[in-house]
């Protein structure tokens, strides 16, 4: 298993082991949330297709993120390539409203500057 953040263990930014902090640590890794997002929005993708959709990601980083997300059980291998697990899909559905909130926040910050 890769060295993924785990609930119940100290993680980057927190010694409490709180599950939310482990999740934020995992998704705070370069491209982790992007790989999950692209996979959920596009369905199963081959490595090359996923790399093309994640413009600018190197093969090494993609390989590393796929390993992390597979070990964390957010993504799995299927005949067509890589796909989100049910947990990955559920996580994505929770992140979509957070994305909308981030856009709203960006507007507020822009107005206040």
PDB file of N, CA and C in Angstrom:
ATOM      1  N   UNK A   1       0.848  -1.184   0.000  1.00  0.00           N
ATOM      2  CA  UNK A   1       0.000   0.000   0.000  1.00  0.00           C
ATOM      3  C   UNK A   1       0.887   1.239   0.000  1.00  0.00           C
ATOM      4  N   UNK A   2       0.479   2.243  -0.732  1.00  0.00           N
ATOM      5  CA  UNK A   2       1.267   3.475  -0.787  1.00  0.00           C
ATOM      6  C   UNK A   2       1.163   4.209   0.545  1.00  0.00           C
ATOM      7  N   UNK A   3       1.898   5.246   0.647  1.00  0.00           N
ATOM      8  CA  UNK A   3       1.933   6.026   1.869  1.00  0.00           C
ATOM      9  C   UNK A   3       0.831   7.083   1.845  1.00  0.00           C
ATOM     10  N   UNK A   4      -0.409   6.648   1.870  1.00  0.00           N
ATOM     11  CA  UNK A   4      -1.527   7.592   1.846  1.00  0.00           C
ATOM     12  C   UNK A   4      -1.851   8.024   3.273  1.00  0.00           C
ATOM     13  N   UNK A   5      -2.397   9.226   3.427  1.00  0.00           N
ATOM     14  CA  UNK A   5      -2.852   9.648   4.751  1.00  0.00           C
ATOM     15  C   UNK A   5      -3.986   8.725   5.203  1.00  0.00           C
ATOM     16  N   UNK A   6      -3.991   8.394   6.481  1.00  0.00           N
ATOM     17  CA  UNK A   6      -5.006   7.479   6.994  1.00  0.00           C
ATOM     18  C   UNK A   6      -5.699   8.070   8.210  1.00  0.00           C
ATOM     19  N   UNK A   7      -7.024   7.953   8.263  1.00  0.00           N
ATOM     20  CA  UNK A   7      -7.739   8.395   9.464  1.00  0.00           C
ATOM     21  C   UNK A   7      -7.182   7.674  10.692  1.00  0.00           C
ATOM     22  N   UNK A   8      -7.092   8.408  11.783  1.00  0.00           N
ATOM     23  CA  UNK A   8      -6.595   7.833  13.020  1.00  0.00           C
ATOM     24  C   UNK A   8      -5.099   7.987  13.202  1.00  0.00           C
ATOM     25  N   UNK A   9      -4.405   8.475  12.162  1.00  0.00           N
ATOM     26  CA  UNK A   9      -2.960   8.683  12.245  1.00  0.00           C
ATOM     27  C   UNK A   9      -2.659  10.161  12.007  1.00  0.00           C
ATOM     28  N   UNK A  10      -1.576  10.660  12.575  1.00  0.00           N
ATOM     29  CA  UNK A  10      -1.205  12.053  12.291  1.00  0.00           C
ATOM     30  C   UNK A  10      -0.997  12.247  10.787  1.00  0.00           C
ATOM     31  N   UNK A  11      -1.449  13.378  10.280  1.00  0.00           N
ATOM     32  CA  UNK A  11      -1.319  13.706   8.863  1.00  0.00           C
ATOM     33  C   UNK A  11      -0.772  15.121   8.740  1.00  0.00           C
ATOM     34  N   UNK A  12      -0.451  15.496   7.521  1.00  0.00           N
ATOM     35  CA  UNK A  12       0.057  16.844   7.272  1.00  0.00           C
ATOM     36  C   UNK A  12      -0.958  17.867   7.791  1.00  0.00           C
ATOM     37  N   UNK A  13      -0.507  18.729   8.675  1.00  0.00           N
ATOM     38  CA  UNK A  13      -1.369  19.784   9.194  1.00  0.00           C
ATOM     39  C   UNK A  13      -2.194  19.405  10.408  1.00  0.00           C
ATOM     40  N   UNK A  14      -2.103  18.140  10.869  1.00  0.00           N
ATOM     41  CA  UNK A  14      -2.917  17.733  12.016  1.00  0.00           C
ATOM     42  C   UNK A  14      -2.340  16.487  12.672  1.00  0.00           C
ATOM     43  N   UNK A  15      -2.276  16.534  13.982  1.00  0.00           N
ATOM     44  CA  UNK A  15      -1.847  15.353  14.718  1.00  0.00           C
ATOM     45  C   UNK A  15      -3.028  14.574  15.268  1.00  0.00           C
ATOM     46  N   UNK A  16      -4.231  15.095  15.076  1.00  0.00           N
ATOM     47  CA  UNK A  16      -5.420  14.499  15.691  1.00  0.00           C
ATOM     48  C   UNK A  16      -5.837  13.173  15.065  1.00  0.00           C
ATOM     49  N   UNK A  17      -5.508  12.974  13.810  1.00  0.00           N
ATOM     50  CA  UNK A  17      -5.968  11.771  13.129  1.00  0.00           C
ATOM     51  C   UNK A  17      -7.422  11.853  12.692  1.00  0.00           C
ATOM     52  N   UNK A  18      -7.989  13.057  12.740  1.00  0.00           N
ATOM     53  CA  UNK A  18      -9.383  13.226  12.323  1.00  0.00           C
ATOM     54  C   UNK A  18      -9.533  12.817  10.855  1.00  0.00           C
ATOM     55  N   UNK A  19     -10.550  12.008  10.541  1.00  0.00           N
ATOM     56  CA  UNK A  19     -10.728  11.559   9.157  1.00  0.00           C
ATOM     57  C   UNK A  19     -10.769  12.691   8.138  1.00  0.00           C
ATOM     58  N   UNK A  20     -11.395  13.819   8.479  1.00  0.00           N
ATOM     59  CA  UNK A  20     -11.485  14.927   7.530  1.00  0.00           C
ATOM     60  C   UNK A  20     -10.096  15.477   7.211  1.00  0.00           C
ATOM     61  N   UNK A  21      -9.214  15.483   8.196  1.00  0.00           N
ATOM     62  CA  UNK A  21      -7.862  15.989   7.968  1.00  0.00           C
ATOM     63  C   UNK A  21      -7.070  15.041   7.078  1.00  0.00           C
ATOM     64  N   UNK A  22      -7.274  13.744   7.251  1.00  0.00           N
ATOM     65  CA  UNK A  22      -6.617  12.766   6.378  1.00  0.00           C
ATOM     66  C   UNK A  22      -7.123  12.921   4.945  1.00  0.00           C
ATOM     67  N   UNK A  23      -8.429  13.149   4.805  1.00  0.00           N
ATOM     68  CA  UNK A  23      -9.011  13.348   3.480  1.00  0.00           C
ATOM     69  C   UNK A  23      -8.452  14.611   2.823  1.00  0.00           C
ATOM     70  N   UNK A  24      -8.386  15.702   3.573  1.00  0.00           N
ATOM     71  CA  UNK A  24      -7.824  16.942   3.033  1.00  0.00           C
ATOM     72  C   UNK A  24      -6.352  16.767   2.674  1.00  0.00           C
ATOM     73  N   UNK A  25      -5.623  16.001   3.466  1.00  0.00           N
ATOM     74  CA  UNK A  25      -4.217  15.743   3.167  1.00  0.00           C
ATOM     75  C   UNK A  25      -4.098  14.994   1.847  1.00  0.00           C
ATOM     76  N   UNK A  26      -4.908  13.961   1.671  1.00  0.00           N
ATOM     77  CA  UNK A  26      -4.883  13.184   0.428  1.00  0.00           C
ATOM     78  C   UNK A  26      -5.245  14.063  -0.771  1.00  0.00           C
ATOM     79  N   UNK A  27      -6.357  14.789  -0.674  1.00  0.00           N
ATOM     80  CA  UNK A  27      -6.803  15.600  -1.799  1.00  0.00           C
ATOM     81  C   UNK A  27      -5.977  16.867  -1.982  1.00  0.00           C
ATOM     82  N   UNK A  28      -5.151  17.199  -1.008  1.00  0.00           N
ATOM     83  CA  UNK A  28      -4.244  18.329  -1.141  1.00  0.00           C
ATOM     84  C   UNK A  28      -2.987  17.986  -1.927  1.00  0.00           C
ATOM     85  N   UNK A  29      -2.796  16.712  -2.210  1.00  0.00           N
ATOM     86  CA  UNK A  29      -1.640  16.314  -3.016  1.00  0.00           C
ATOM     87  C   UNK A  29      -1.861  16.771  -4.454  1.00  0.00           C
ATOM     88  N   UNK A  30      -0.763  17.144  -5.078  1.00  0.00           N
ATOM     89  CA  UNK A  30      -0.817  17.660  -6.446  1.00  0.00           C
ATOM     90  C   UNK A  30      -1.596  16.704  -7.344  1.00  0.00           C
ATOM     91  N   UNK A  31      -2.628  17.205  -7.975  1.00  0.00           N
ATOM     92  CA  UNK A  31      -3.460  16.523  -8.954  1.00  0.00           C
ATOM     93  C   UNK A  31      -4.417  15.474  -8.384  1.00  0.00           C
ATOM     94  N   UNK A  32      -4.401  15.197  -7.086  1.00  0.00           N
ATOM     95  CA  UNK A  32      -5.260  14.134  -6.549  1.00  0.00           C
ATOM     96  C   UNK A  32      -6.742  14.433  -6.802  1.00  0.00           C
ATOM     97  N   UNK A  33      -7.183  15.614  -6.416  1.00  0.00           N
ATOM     98  CA  UNK A  33      -8.591  15.955  -6.602  1.00  0.00           C
ATOM     99  C   UNK A  33      -8.915  16.085  -8.086  1.00  0.00           C
ATOM    100  N   UNK A  34      -7.987  16.596  -8.860  1.00  0.00           N
ATOM    101  CA  UNK A  34      -8.208  16.737 -10.297  1.00  0.00           C
ATOM    102  C   UNK A  34      -8.399  15.398 -10.990  1.00  0.00           C
ATOM    103  N   UNK A  35      -7.601  14.417 -10.615  1.00  0.00           N
ATOM    104  CA  UNK A  35      -7.731  13.083 -11.222  1.00  0.00           C
ATOM    105  C   UNK A  35      -9.087  12.482 -10.870  1.00  0.00           C
ATOM    106  N   UNK A  36      -9.500  12.605  -9.612  1.00  0.00           N
ATOM    107  CA  UNK A  36     -10.820  12.087  -9.232  1.00  0.00           C
ATOM    108  C   UNK A  36     -11.915  12.835  -9.985  1.00  0.00           C
ATOM    109  N   UNK A  37     -11.815  14.147 -10.050  1.00  0.00           N
ATOM    110  CA  UNK A  37     -12.820  14.993 -10.706  1.00  0.00           C
ATOM    111  C   UNK A  37     -12.974  14.601 -12.180  1.00  0.00           C
ATOM    112  N   UNK A  38     -11.854  14.505 -12.888  1.00  0.00           N
ATOM    113  CA  UNK A  38     -11.878  14.165 -14.316  1.00  0.00           C
ATOM    114  C   UNK A  38     -12.453  12.769 -14.528  1.00  0.00           C
ATOM    115  N   UNK A  39     -12.084  11.849 -13.685  1.00  0.00           N
ATOM    116  CA  UNK A  39     -12.589  10.481 -13.802  1.00  0.00           C
ATOM    117  C   UNK A  39     -14.098  10.440 -13.585  1.00  0.00           C
ATOM    118  N   UNK A  40     -14.579  11.170 -12.605  1.00  0.00           N
ATOM    119  CA  UNK A  40     -16.017  11.184 -12.337  1.00  0.00           C
ATOM    120  C   UNK A  40     -16.800  11.871 -13.447  1.00  0.00           C
ATOM    121  N   UNK A  41     -16.251  12.923 -14.005  1.00  0.00           N
ATOM    122  CA  UNK A  41     -16.961  13.652 -15.055  1.00  0.00           C
ATOM    123  C   UNK A  41     -16.923  12.958 -16.405  1.00  0.00           C
ATOM    124  N   UNK A  42     -15.959  12.063 -16.624  1.00  0.00           N
ATOM    125  CA  UNK A  42     -15.780  11.456 -17.946  1.00  0.00           C
ATOM    126  C   UNK A  42     -15.975   9.955 -17.990  1.00  0.00           C
ATOM    127  N   UNK A  43     -16.223   9.337 -16.867  1.00  0.00           N
ATOM    128  CA  UNK A  43     -16.367   7.883 -16.848  1.00  0.00           C
ATOM    129  C   UNK A  43     -15.019   7.209 -16.954  1.00  0.00           C
ATOM    130  N   UNK A  44     -15.003   5.910 -17.165  1.00  0.00           N
ATOM    131  CA  UNK A  44     -13.731   5.195 -17.239  1.00  0.00           C
ATOM    132  C   UNK A  44     -12.829   5.763 -18.338  1.00  0.00           C
ATOM    133  N   UNK A  45     -11.552   5.923 -18.005  1.00  0.00           N
ATOM    134  CA  UNK A  45     -10.574   6.460 -18.943  1.00  0.00           C
ATOM    135  C   UNK A  45      -9.305   5.629 -18.900  1.00  0.00           C
ATOM    136  N   UNK A  46      -8.684   5.457 -20.062  1.00  0.00           N
ATOM    137  CA  UNK A  46      -7.371   4.831 -20.101  1.00  0.00           C
ATOM    138  C   UNK A  46      -6.360   5.802 -19.511  1.00  0.00           C
ATOM    139  N   UNK A  47      -5.171   5.301 -19.225  1.00  0.00           N
ATOM    140  CA  UNK A  47      -4.113   6.159 -18.684  1.00  0.00           C
ATOM    141  C   UNK A  47      -3.861   7.343 -19.618  1.00  0.00           C
ATOM    142  N   UNK A  48      -3.731   7.060 -20.912  1.00  0.00           N
ATOM    143  CA  UNK A  48      -3.450   8.138 -21.882  1.00  0.00           C
ATOM    144  C   UNK A  48      -4.589   9.145 -21.969  1.00  0.00           C
ATOM    145  N   UNK A  49      -5.826   8.652 -21.971  1.00  0.00           N
ATOM    146  CA  UNK A  49      -6.970   9.562 -22.023  1.00  0.00           C
ATOM    147  C   UNK A  49      -7.049  10.414 -20.762  1.00  0.00           C
ATOM    148  N   UNK A  50      -6.780   9.795 -19.623  1.00  0.00           N
ATOM    149  CA  UNK A  50      -6.792  10.535 -18.367  1.00  0.00           C
ATOM    150  C   UNK A  50      -5.687  11.598 -18.364  1.00  0.00           C
ATOM    151  N   UNK A  51      -4.530  11.248 -18.861  1.00  0.00           N
ATOM    152  CA  UNK A  51      -3.426  12.208 -18.938  1.00  0.00           C
ATOM    153  C   UNK A  51      -3.793  13.376 -19.862  1.00  0.00           C
ATOM    154  N   UNK A  52      -4.451  13.081 -20.971  1.00  0.00           N
ATOM    155  CA  UNK A  52      -4.855  14.139 -21.902  1.00  0.00           C
ATOM    156  C   UNK A  52      -5.889  15.071 -21.269  1.00  0.00           C
ATOM    157  N   UNK A  53      -6.815  14.506 -20.496  1.00  0.00           N
ATOM    158  CA  UNK A  53      -7.852  15.325 -19.845  1.00  0.00           C
ATOM    159  C   UNK A  53      -7.264  16.166 -18.717  1.00  0.00           C
ATOM    160  N   UNK A  54      -6.220  15.665 -18.065  1.00  0.00           N
ATOM    161  CA  UNK A  54      -5.533  16.401 -16.995  1.00  0.00           C
ATOM    162  C   UNK A  54      -4.349  17.118 -17.627  1.00  0.00           C
ATOM    163  N   UNK A  55      -4.637  18.122 -18.403  1.00  0.00           N
ATOM    164  CA  UNK A  55      -3.596  18.832 -19.151  1.00  0.00           C
ATOM    165  C   UNK A  55      -2.462  19.252 -18.237  1.00  0.00           C
ATOM    166  N   UNK A  56      -1.269  18.896 -18.615  1.00  0.00           N
ATOM    167  CA  UNK A  56      -0.092  19.311 -17.872  1.00  0.00           C
ATOM    168  C   UNK A  56       0.401  18.314 -16.834  1.00  0.00           C
ATOM    169  N   UNK A  57      -0.323  17.243 -16.602  1.00  0.00           N
ATOM    170  CA  UNK A  57       0.133  16.265 -15.613  1.00  0.00           C
ATOM    171  C   UNK A  57       1.183  15.359 -16.248  1.00  0.00           C
ATOM    172  N   UNK A  58       2.240  15.103 -15.520  1.00  0.00           N
ATOM    173  CA  UNK A  58       3.286  14.219 -16.035  1.00  0.00           C
ATOM    174  C   UNK A  58       2.866  12.768 -15.814  1.00  0.00           C
ATOM    175  N   UNK A  59       3.388  11.854 -16.611  1.00  0.00           N
ATOM    176  CA  UNK A  59       3.069  10.435 -16.407  1.00  0.00           C
ATOM    177  C   UNK A  59       3.445   9.945 -15.007  1.00  0.00           C
ATOM    178  N   UNK A  60       4.557  10.433 -14.472  1.00  0.00           N
ATOM    179  CA  UNK A  60       4.982  10.000 -13.135  1.00  0.00           C
ATOM    180  C   UNK A  60       4.004  10.460 -12.058  1.00  0.00           C
ATOM    181  N   UNK A  61       3.563  11.711 -12.144  1.00  0.00           N
ATOM    182  CA  UNK A  61       2.610  12.227 -11.153  1.00  0.00           C
ATOM    183  C   UNK A  61       1.270  11.514 -11.305  1.00  0.00           C
ATOM    184  N   UNK A  62       0.813  11.319 -12.529  1.00  0.00           N
ATOM    185  CA  UNK A  62      -0.454  10.607 -12.738  1.00  0.00           C
ATOM    186  C   UNK A  62      -0.368   9.198 -12.173  1.00  0.00           C
ATOM    187  N   UNK A  63       0.706   8.521 -12.443  1.00  0.00           N
ATOM    188  CA  UNK A  63       0.883   7.167 -11.927  1.00  0.00           C
ATOM    189  C   UNK A  63       0.839   7.163 -10.400  1.00  0.00           C
ATOM    190  N   UNK A  64       1.500   8.120  -9.784  1.00  0.00           N
ATOM    191  CA  UNK A  64       1.531   8.226  -8.328  1.00  0.00           C
ATOM    192  C   UNK A  64       0.144   8.530  -7.763  1.00  0.00           C
ATOM    193  N   UNK A  65      -0.573   9.472  -8.382  1.00  0.00           N
ATOM    194  CA  UNK A  65      -1.916   9.813  -7.891  1.00  0.00           C
ATOM    195  C   UNK A  65      -2.882   8.647  -8.076  1.00  0.00           C
ATOM    196  N   UNK A  66      -2.779   7.959  -9.200  1.00  0.00           N
ATOM    197  CA  UNK A  66      -3.645   6.792  -9.403  1.00  0.00           C
ATOM    198  C   UNK A  66      -3.388   5.742  -8.331  1.00  0.00           C
ATOM    199  N   UNK A  67      -2.139   5.535  -7.995  1.00  0.00           N
ATOM    200  CA  UNK A  67      -1.807   4.568  -6.944  1.00  0.00           C
ATOM    201  C   UNK A  67      -2.402   5.018  -5.613  1.00  0.00           C
ATOM    202  N   UNK A  68      -2.215   6.288  -5.271  1.00  0.00           N
ATOM    203  CA  UNK A  68      -2.773   6.818  -4.023  1.00  0.00           C
ATOM    204  C   UNK A  68      -4.290   6.648  -3.990  1.00  0.00           C
ATOM    205  N   UNK A  69      -4.951   7.073  -5.066  1.00  0.00           N
ATOM    206  CA  UNK A  69      -6.419   7.034  -5.101  1.00  0.00           C
ATOM    207  C   UNK A  69      -6.950   5.605  -5.140  1.00  0.00           C
ATOM    208  N   UNK A  70      -6.207   4.703  -5.743  1.00  0.00           N
ATOM    209  CA  UNK A  70      -6.597   3.290  -5.721  1.00  0.00           C
ATOM    210  C   UNK A  70      -6.427   2.723  -4.316  1.00  0.00           C
ATOM    211  N   UNK A  71      -5.298   3.023  -3.679  1.00  0.00           N
ATOM    212  CA  UNK A  71      -5.067   2.529  -2.320  1.00  0.00           C
ATOM    213  C   UNK A  71      -6.094   3.082  -1.337  1.00  0.00           C
ATOM    214  N   UNK A  72      -6.525   4.317  -1.576  1.00  0.00           N
ATOM    215  CA  UNK A  72      -7.536   4.949  -0.720  1.00  0.00           C
ATOM    216  C   UNK A  72      -8.959   4.533  -1.108  1.00  0.00           C
ATOM    217  N   UNK A  73      -9.091   3.757  -2.166  1.00  0.00           N
ATOM    218  CA  UNK A  73     -10.354   3.194  -2.641  1.00  0.00           C
ATOM    219  C   UNK A  73     -11.327   4.226  -3.218  1.00  0.00           C
ATOM    220  N   UNK A  74     -10.761   5.267  -3.838  1.00  0.00           N
ATOM    221  CA  UNK A  74     -11.582   6.252  -4.553  1.00  0.00           C
ATOM    222  C   UNK A  74     -11.632   5.949  -6.047  1.00  0.00           C
ATOM    223  N   UNK A  75     -10.639   5.236  -6.555  1.00  0.00           N
ATOM    224  CA  UNK A  75     -10.559   4.871  -7.976  1.00  0.00           C
ATOM    225  C   UNK A  75     -10.180   3.400  -8.057  1.00  0.00           C
ATOM    226  N   UNK A  76     -10.669   2.742  -9.096  1.00  0.00           N
ATOM    227  CA  UNK A  76     -10.271   1.349  -9.322  1.00  0.00           C
ATOM    228  C   UNK A  76     -10.086   1.103 -10.811  1.00  0.00           C
ATOM    229  N   UNK A  77      -9.448  -0.033 -11.110  1.00  0.00           N
ATOM    230  CA  UNK A  77      -9.234  -0.443 -12.504  1.00  0.00           C
ATOM    231  C   UNK A  77     -10.465  -1.195 -12.969  1.00  0.00           C
ATOM    232  N   UNK A  78     -10.890  -0.869 -14.177  1.00  0.00           N
ATOM    233  CA  UNK A  78     -11.972  -1.590 -14.848  1.00  0.00           C
ATOM    234  C   UNK A  78     -11.474  -1.932 -16.245  1.00  0.00           C
ATOM    235  N   UNK A  79     -12.233  -2.718 -16.985  1.00  0.00           N
ATOM    236  CA  UNK A  79     -11.812  -3.114 -18.331  1.00  0.00           C
ATOM    237  C   UNK A  79     -11.481  -1.910 -19.213  1.00  0.00           C
ATOM    238  N   UNK A  80     -12.221  -0.823 -19.063  1.00  0.00           N
ATOM    239  CA  UNK A  80     -12.040   0.357 -19.917  1.00  0.00           C
ATOM    240  C   UNK A  80     -10.923   1.276 -19.442  1.00  0.00           C
ATOM    241  N   UNK A  81     -10.349   1.027 -18.275  1.00  0.00           N
ATOM    242  CA  UNK A  81      -9.280   1.876 -17.749  1.00  0.00           C
ATOM    243  C   UNK A  81      -9.461   2.140 -16.268  1.00  0.00           C
ATOM    244  N   UNK A  82      -9.496   3.408 -15.905  1.00  0.00           N
ATOM    245  CA  UNK A  82      -9.654   3.817 -14.506  1.00  0.00           C
ATOM    246  C   UNK A  82     -11.017   4.461 -14.330  1.00  0.00           C
ATOM    247  N   UNK A  83     -11.681   4.104 -13.238  1.00  0.00           N
ATOM    248  CA  UNK A  83     -13.009   4.649 -12.951  1.00  0.00           C
ATOM    249  C   UNK A  83     -13.124   4.922 -11.457  1.00  0.00           C
ATOM    250  N   UNK A  84     -14.015   5.817 -11.117  1.00  0.00           N
ATOM    251  CA  UNK A  84     -14.274   6.102  -9.709  1.00  0.00           C
ATOM    252  C   UNK A  84     -15.034   4.932  -9.093  1.00  0.00           C
ATOM    253  N   UNK A  85     -14.716   4.640  -7.859  1.00  0.00           N
ATOM    254  CA  UNK A  85     -15.473   3.656  -7.088  1.00  0.00           C
ATOM    255  C   UNK A  85     -16.761   4.331  -6.617  1.00  0.00           C
ATOM    256  N   UNK A  86     -17.691   3.588  -6.043  1.00  0.00           N
ATOM    257  CA  UNK A  86     -18.867   4.251  -5.468  1.00  0.00           C
ATOM    258  C   UNK A  86     -18.480   5.314  -4.428  1.00  0.00           C
ATOM    259  N   UNK A  87     -17.451   5.050  -3.625  1.00  0.00           N
ATOM    260  CA  UNK A  87     -16.989   6.056  -2.666  1.00  0.00           C
ATOM    261  C   UNK A  87     -16.419   7.274  -3.386  1.00  0.00           C
ATOM    262  N   UNK A  88     -15.698   7.057  -4.476  1.00  0.00           N
ATOM    263  CA  UNK A  88     -15.168   8.164  -5.265  1.00  0.00           C
ATOM    264  C   UNK A  88     -16.283   9.013  -5.860  1.00  0.00           C
ATOM    265  N   UNK A  89     -17.314   8.356  -6.391  1.00  0.00           N
ATOM    266  CA  UNK A  89     -18.468   9.081  -6.947  1.00  0.00           C
ATOM    267  C   UNK A  89     -19.182   9.885  -5.859  1.00  0.00           C
ATOM    268  N   UNK A  90     -19.358   9.288  -4.695  1.00  0.00           N
ATOM    269  CA  UNK A  90     -20.021   9.980  -3.588  1.00  0.00           C
ATOM    270  C   UNK A  90     -19.205  11.196  -3.158  1.00  0.00           C
ATOM    271  N   UNK A  91     -17.897  11.029  -3.100  1.00  0.00           N
ATOM    272  CA  UNK A  91     -17.017  12.139  -2.737  1.00  0.00           C
ATOM    273  C   UNK A  91     -17.121  13.269  -3.758  1.00  0.00           C
ATOM    274  N   UNK A  92     -17.113  12.907  -5.030  1.00  0.00           N
ATOM    275  CA  UNK A  92     -17.245  13.899  -6.102  1.00  0.00           C
ATOM    276  C   UNK A  92     -18.559  14.682  -5.949  1.00  0.00           C
ATOM    277  N   UNK A  93     -19.639  13.976  -5.691  1.00  0.00           N
ATOM    278  CA  UNK A  93     -20.935  14.658  -5.531  1.00  0.00           C
ATOM    279  C   UNK A  93     -20.925  15.626  -4.350  1.00  0.00           C
ATOM    280  N   UNK A  94     -20.126  15.331  -3.338  1.00  0.00           N
ATOM    281  CA  UNK A  94     -19.990  16.244  -2.198  1.00  0.00           C
ATOM    282  C   UNK A  94     -19.095  17.432  -2.540  1.00  0.00           C
ATOM    283  N   UNK A  95     -18.144  17.230  -3.443  1.00  0.00           N
ATOM    284  CA  UNK A  95     -17.215  18.299  -3.811  1.00  0.00           C
ATOM    285  C   UNK A  95     -17.822  19.314  -4.784  1.00  0.00           C
ATOM    286  N   UNK A  96     -18.782  18.896  -5.585  1.00  0.00           N
ATOM    287  CA  UNK A  96     -19.386  19.808  -6.567  1.00  0.00           C
ATOM    288  C   UNK A  96     -19.960  21.055  -5.888  1.00  0.00           C
ATOM    289  N   UNK A  97     -20.755  20.930  -4.812  1.00  0.00           N
ATOM    290  CA  UNK A  97     -21.236  22.154  -4.146  1.00  0.00           C
ATOM    291  C   UNK A  97     -20.095  22.983  -3.549  1.00  0.00           C
ATOM    292  N   UNK A  98     -19.039  22.331  -3.101  1.00  0.00           N
ATOM    293  CA  UNK A  98     -17.893  23.064  -2.568  1.00  0.00           C
ATOM    294  C   UNK A  98     -17.231  23.871  -3.685  1.00  0.00           C
ATOM    295  N   UNK A  99     -17.213  23.319  -4.901  1.00  0.00           N
ATOM    296  CA  UNK A  99     -16.696  24.053  -6.057  1.00  0.00           C
ATOM    297  C   UNK A  99     -17.512  25.309  -6.326  1.00  0.00           C
ATOM    298  N   UNK A 100     -18.838  25.202  -6.208  1.00  0.00           N
ATOM    299  CA  UNK A 100     -19.713  26.364  -6.396  1.00  0.00           C
ATOM    300  C   UNK A 100     -19.449  27.409  -5.308  1.00  0.00           C
ATOM    301  N   UNK A 101     -19.264  26.955  -4.086  1.00  0.00           N
ATOM    302  CA  UNK A 101     -18.956  27.868  -2.991  1.00  0.00           C
ATOM    303  C   UNK A 101     -17.625  28.570  -3.234  1.00  0.00           C
ATOM    304  N   UNK A 102     -16.646  27.854  -3.760  1.00  0.00           N
ATOM    305  CA  UNK A 102     -15.337  28.447  -4.051  1.00  0.00           C
ATOM    306  C   UNK A 102     -15.464  29.563  -5.083  1.00  0.00           C
ATOM    307  N   UNK A 103     -16.315  29.360  -6.085  1.00  0.00           N
ATOM    308  CA  UNK A 103     -16.527  30.408  -7.097  1.00  0.00           C
ATOM    309  C   UNK A 103     -17.190  31.639  -6.468  1.00  0.00           C
ATOM    310  N   UNK A 104     -18.136  31.402  -5.577  1.00  0.00           N
ATOM    311  CA  UNK A 104     -18.788  32.508  -4.881  1.00  0.00           C
ATOM    312  C   UNK A 104     -17.768  33.261  -4.015  1.00  0.00           C
ATOM    313  N   UNK A 105     -16.941  32.529  -3.310  1.00  0.00           N
ATOM    314  CA  UNK A 105     -15.895  33.113  -2.486  1.00  0.00           C
ATOM    315  C   UNK A 105     -14.938  33.943  -3.324  1.00  0.00           C
ATOM    316  N   UNK A 106     -14.571  33.440  -4.507  1.00  0.00           N
ATOM    317  CA  UNK A 106     -13.662  34.168  -5.380  1.00  0.00           C
ATOM    318  C   UNK A 106     -14.241  35.524  -5.760  1.00  0.00           C
ATOM    319  N   UNK A 107     -15.531  35.565  -5.999  1.00  0.00           N
ATOM    320  CA  UNK A 107     -16.190  36.842  -6.346  1.00  0.00           C
ATOM    321  C   UNK A 107     -16.151  37.806  -5.162  1.00  0.00           C
ATOM    322  N   UNK A 108     -16.387  37.291  -3.967  1.00  0.00           N
ATOM    323  CA  UNK A 108     -16.372  38.125  -2.753  1.00  0.00           C
ATOM    324  C   UNK A 108     -14.983  38.699  -2.532  1.00  0.00           C
ATOM    325  N   UNK A 109     -13.968  37.865  -2.693  1.00  0.00           N
ATOM    326  CA  UNK A 109     -12.591  38.312  -2.512  1.00  0.00           C
ATOM    327  C   UNK A 109     -12.232  39.364  -3.562  1.00  0.00           C
ATOM    328  N   UNK A 110     -12.676  39.142  -4.792  1.00  0.00           N
ATOM    329  CA  UNK A 110     -12.391  40.083  -5.886  1.00  0.00           C
ATOM    330  C   UNK A 110     -13.008  41.455  -5.608  1.00  0.00           C
ATOM    331  N   UNK A 111     -14.225  41.468  -5.099  1.00  0.00           N
ATOM    332  CA  UNK A 111     -14.917  42.719  -4.808  1.00  0.00           C
ATOM    333  C   UNK A 111     -14.243  43.463  -3.657  1.00  0.00           C
ATOM    334  N   UNK A 112     -13.731  42.717  -2.672  1.00  0.00           N
ATOM    335  CA  UNK A 112     -13.154  43.371  -1.501  1.00  0.00           C
ATOM    336  C   UNK A 112     -11.749  43.899  -1.724  1.00  0.00           C
ATOM    337  N   UNK A 113     -11.130  43.550  -2.827  1.00  0.00           N
ATOM    338  CA  UNK A 113      -9.752  44.030  -3.090  1.00  0.00           C
ATOM    339  C   UNK A 113      -9.709  45.358  -3.758  1.00  0.00           C
TER     340      UNK A 113
END
